Amino acid sequence: MRIPLQISVRNVALSEVAKDNIRDKAAQLDQYYNNITSCRVTVEAVNRSQRHGTIYNVRIDMTVPGSELVVNRESDEDVYVAIRDAFDAAMRQMEKYARKQRAEVKHHESAPEARVARLFSNEGYGFIDSPEGYEVYFHRNSVLNGDFAKLEVGTAVRFVEEMGEKGPQASTVTLIHHQAMV
C-alpha cells in the first residue's frame, strides 16, 4: 500500500491481537492486489439491546486505481468473526475488481451472421455457410419462431454452433431478414 493502513475504533477498546489480525488480513489483500493505494479499517461496537450484547460493525475502505471499494459489515458478537467476515467480503470485491481490470469479465459474443447454403425443405434440414468457411448442419427444430418455412437458399441468419454427433450443427437459428440476400 502506498499509504499506510489506518485502523480506527469507536466505542470499543481493540486489543493489539485484534489490530495485528487486521494488519495481517490487510497485508493479504495487498499481496493479492498490489495496487491498493490506501486502506482504512473502522471497528465500531454497536449496542443493540441488553439481551443480545454488543454487535461489531467493521468497515473497510480501499482506494484502488480508478475506484474505491467499500465493505460495511455488521456482524457477530465476536470481534474476530466480524473482522474475518469483513475481510472475506473485501477479498471477494478485490477479486472481482482485479478480474475486471484484467478484462476477464465475461462478454457475450453475438451469434455469427451467415447464409443458408443448402436447404432440404421436404426432409426438414439444411446447411449454413459459416463465416469460417465450413458448412453447419441445422434441423427444422433449430429454427426459432417456426420460421423454417420462410427459409430459402441465401437467407441471412444468425446461429449458435455446437458439436453434434457428425460434426458442427446449429442449435439455434434466427432469421435476420425474411428475404433472401442477393
Protein backbone atom coordinates (compact mmCIF):
# COMPACT_ATOMS: atom_id res chain seq x y z
CA MET A 1 0.00 0.00 0.00
CA ARG A 2 1.21 3.46 -0.81
CA ILE A 3 -0.46 4.99 2.24
CA PRO A 4 -0.04 3.02 5.48
CA LEU A 5 -3.00 1.08 6.83
CA GLN A 6 -5.27 3.16 9.06
CA ILE A 7 -7.18 1.48 11.88
CA SER A 8 -9.89 3.39 13.73
CA VAL A 9 -12.06 2.24 16.61
CA ARG A 10 -15.32 3.59 18.01
CA ASN A 11 -16.99 2.65 21.29
CA VAL A 12 -14.61 -0.25 21.84
CA ALA A 13 -11.08 -0.89 23.09
CA LEU A 14 -9.40 -3.06 20.46
CA SER A 15 -6.60 -5.36 21.65
CA GLU A 16 -3.21 -5.48 19.96
CA VAL A 17 -4.00 -9.05 18.89
CA ALA A 18 -7.11 -7.82 17.04
CA LYS A 19 -5.11 -4.97 15.46
CA ASP A 20 -2.44 -7.47 14.37
CA ASN A 21 -5.21 -9.63 12.89
CA ILE A 22 -6.41 -6.62 10.85
CA ARG A 23 -2.83 -5.86 9.72
CA ASP A 24 -2.31 -9.48 8.60
CA LYS A 25 -5.56 -9.55 6.64
CA ALA A 26 -4.80 -6.17 5.02
CA ALA A 27 -1.35 -7.49 4.05
CA GLN A 28 -3.03 -10.50 2.40
CA LEU A 29 -5.21 -8.12 0.36
CA ASP A 30 -2.11 -6.15 -0.61
CA GLN A 31 -0.33 -9.34 -1.69
CA TYR A 32 -3.29 -10.34 -3.84
CA TYR A 33 -3.58 -6.92 -5.48
CA ASN A 34 -0.51 -4.75 -5.01
CA ASN A 35 -2.03 -1.55 -6.43
CA ILE A 36 -4.04 -0.70 -3.32
CA THR A 37 -3.41 2.99 -2.68
CA SER A 38 -4.91 3.12 0.79
CA CYS A 39 -6.89 1.00 3.22
CA ARG A 40 -8.87 2.29 6.18
CA VAL A 41 -10.48 -0.09 8.65
CA THR A 42 -13.00 1.08 11.23
CA VAL A 43 -14.22 -1.22 14.00
CA GLU A 44 -17.24 0.00 15.91
CA ALA A 45 -19.19 -1.53 18.79
CA VAL A 46 -22.95 -1.09 18.44
CA ASN A 47 -25.11 -1.84 21.47
CA ARG A 48 -28.35 -3.23 20.03
CA SER A 49 -30.00 -4.43 23.19
CA GLN A 50 -29.17 -5.82 26.58
CA ARG A 51 -30.29 -9.29 25.51
CA HIS A 52 -28.00 -9.63 22.51
CA GLY A 53 -24.92 -7.85 23.78
CA THR A 54 -22.50 -5.93 21.59
CA ILE A 55 -22.58 -6.21 17.81
CA TYR A 56 -19.47 -5.17 15.86
CA ASN A 57 -19.56 -3.17 12.67
CA VAL A 58 -16.40 -3.40 10.55
CA ARG A 59 -15.99 -1.01 7.64
CA ILE A 60 -13.14 -1.33 5.14
CA ASP A 61 -12.46 1.47 2.63
CA MET A 62 -9.89 0.62 -0.04
CA THR A 63 -8.71 3.02 -2.69
CA VAL A 64 -7.50 1.41 -5.91
CA PRO A 65 -6.68 3.00 -9.28
CA GLY A 66 -9.90 4.46 -10.64
CA SER A 67 -12.18 3.25 -7.86
CA GLU A 68 -12.94 2.92 -4.19
CA LEU A 69 -14.08 -0.39 -2.75
CA VAL A 70 -16.14 -0.32 0.44
CA VAL A 71 -17.19 -3.14 2.73
CA ASN A 72 -19.54 -2.40 5.62
CA ARG A 73 -20.33 -5.48 7.70
CA GLU A 74 -22.39 -5.55 10.84
CA SER A 75 -21.65 -8.89 12.31
CA ASP A 76 -21.21 -11.19 15.21
CA GLU A 77 -20.82 -10.59 18.90
CA ASP A 78 -17.22 -11.76 18.43
CA VAL A 79 -14.95 -9.02 17.10
CA TYR A 80 -12.64 -11.55 15.43
CA VAL A 81 -15.52 -13.11 13.48
CA ALA A 82 -16.66 -9.63 12.45
CA ILE A 83 -13.14 -8.79 11.21
CA ARG A 84 -12.83 -12.11 9.35
CA ASP A 85 -16.21 -11.71 7.64
CA ALA A 86 -15.44 -8.13 6.58
CA PHE A 87 -12.07 -9.07 5.12
CA ASP A 88 -13.56 -12.10 3.34
CA ALA A 89 -16.06 -9.75 1.69
CA ALA A 90 -13.24 -7.32 0.87
CA MET A 91 -11.27 -10.13 -0.80
CA ARG A 92 -14.28 -11.06 -2.94
CA GLN A 93 -14.66 -7.43 -4.01
CA MET A 94 -10.94 -7.20 -4.75
CA GLU A 95 -11.03 -10.39 -6.84
CA LYS A 96 -13.97 -9.06 -8.85
CA TYR A 97 -12.21 -5.72 -9.36
CA ALA A 98 -8.94 -7.44 -10.38
CA ARG A 99 -10.77 -9.65 -12.94
CA LYS A 100 -12.40 -6.55 -14.38
CA GLN A 101 -9.01 -4.81 -14.61
CA ARG A 102 -7.55 -7.83 -16.40
CA ALA A 103 -10.56 -7.84 -18.75
CA GLU A 104 -11.59 -11.31 -17.59
CA VAL A 105 -15.22 -10.28 -17.19
CA LYS A 106 -17.33 -12.45 -19.46
CA HIS A 107 -18.51 -10.80 -22.62
CA HIS A 108 -21.29 -12.44 -24.54
CA GLU A 109 -20.40 -12.61 -28.17
CA SER A 110 -23.20 -12.15 -30.64
CA ALA A 111 -24.14 -15.11 -32.75
CA PRO A 112 -22.33 -15.12 -36.10
CA GLU A 113 -24.15 -13.95 -39.18
CA ALA A 114 -24.26 -16.36 -42.11
CA ARG A 115 -26.39 -17.52 -45.04
CA VAL A 116 -28.36 -20.66 -45.78
CA ALA A 117 -26.19 -22.63 -48.22
CA ARG A 118 -28.37 -25.66 -48.93
CA LEU A 119 -31.93 -26.39 -47.93
CA PHE A 120 -33.84 -29.67 -47.96
CA SER A 121 -37.32 -28.41 -47.06
CA ASN A 122 -39.12 -31.74 -47.52
CA GLU A 123 -36.66 -33.51 -45.21
CA GLY A 124 -36.65 -30.65 -42.66
CA TYR A 125 -32.96 -29.73 -42.60
CA GLY A 126 -30.32 -27.65 -44.28
CA PHE A 127 -26.78 -26.26 -44.09
CA ILE A 128 -25.44 -22.82 -43.24
CA ASP A 129 -22.22 -21.36 -44.68
CA SER A 130 -20.29 -20.40 -41.55
CA PRO A 131 -18.14 -17.25 -41.51
CA GLU A 132 -15.11 -19.56 -41.18
CA GLY A 133 -15.90 -21.23 -44.49
CA TYR A 134 -17.38 -24.60 -43.50
CA GLU A 135 -20.97 -25.79 -43.54
CA VAL A 136 -23.03 -26.16 -40.36
CA TYR A 137 -25.98 -28.55 -40.29
CA PHE A 138 -29.33 -27.38 -38.89
CA HIS A 139 -32.69 -29.05 -38.38
CA ARG A 140 -36.21 -27.63 -38.68
CA ASN A 141 -36.49 -27.68 -34.87
CA SER A 142 -33.39 -25.47 -34.55
CA VAL A 143 -35.07 -22.58 -36.35
CA LEU A 144 -36.75 -20.19 -33.92
CA ASN A 145 -40.29 -18.86 -34.17
CA GLY A 146 -41.38 -21.58 -36.59
CA ASP A 147 -39.58 -19.73 -39.42
CA PHE A 148 -38.25 -22.84 -41.18
CA ALA A 149 -40.87 -22.46 -43.93
CA LYS A 150 -39.60 -18.90 -44.59
CA LEU A 151 -36.04 -20.04 -45.31
CA GLU A 152 -34.55 -20.02 -48.81
CA VAL A 153 -31.02 -20.53 -50.08
CA GLY A 154 -29.23 -17.26 -49.36
CA THR A 155 -31.42 -16.22 -46.41
CA ALA A 156 -29.40 -14.31 -43.78
CA VAL A 157 -29.42 -15.96 -40.35
CA ARG A 158 -27.65 -15.88 -37.01
CA PHE A 159 -26.87 -19.18 -35.32
CA VAL A 160 -25.36 -20.79 -32.26
CA GLU A 161 -22.97 -23.60 -33.12
CA GLU A 162 -22.32 -26.74 -31.12
CA MET A 163 -20.65 -30.05 -31.86
CA GLY A 164 -23.09 -32.76 -32.88
CA GLU A 165 -22.58 -36.50 -33.41
CA LYS A 166 -21.48 -35.99 -37.04
CA GLY A 167 -19.81 -32.58 -36.75
CA PRO A 168 -20.82 -28.96 -36.20
CA GLN A 169 -24.52 -28.19 -36.01
CA ALA A 170 -26.61 -25.13 -35.28
CA SER A 171 -28.63 -25.41 -32.09
CA THR A 172 -30.41 -22.08 -32.62
CA VAL A 173 -31.08 -20.41 -35.96
CA THR A 174 -32.67 -16.95 -36.15
CA LEU A 175 -33.69 -15.17 -39.33
CA ILE A 176 -32.11 -11.74 -39.78
CA HIS A 177 -34.20 -10.79 -42.80
CA HIS A 178 -37.26 -12.57 -44.06
CA GLN A 179 -35.98 -12.34 -47.61
CA ALA A 180 -33.03 -13.88 -49.41
CA MET A 181 -29.78 -11.91 -49.65
CA VAL A 182 -28.77 -11.03 -53.17
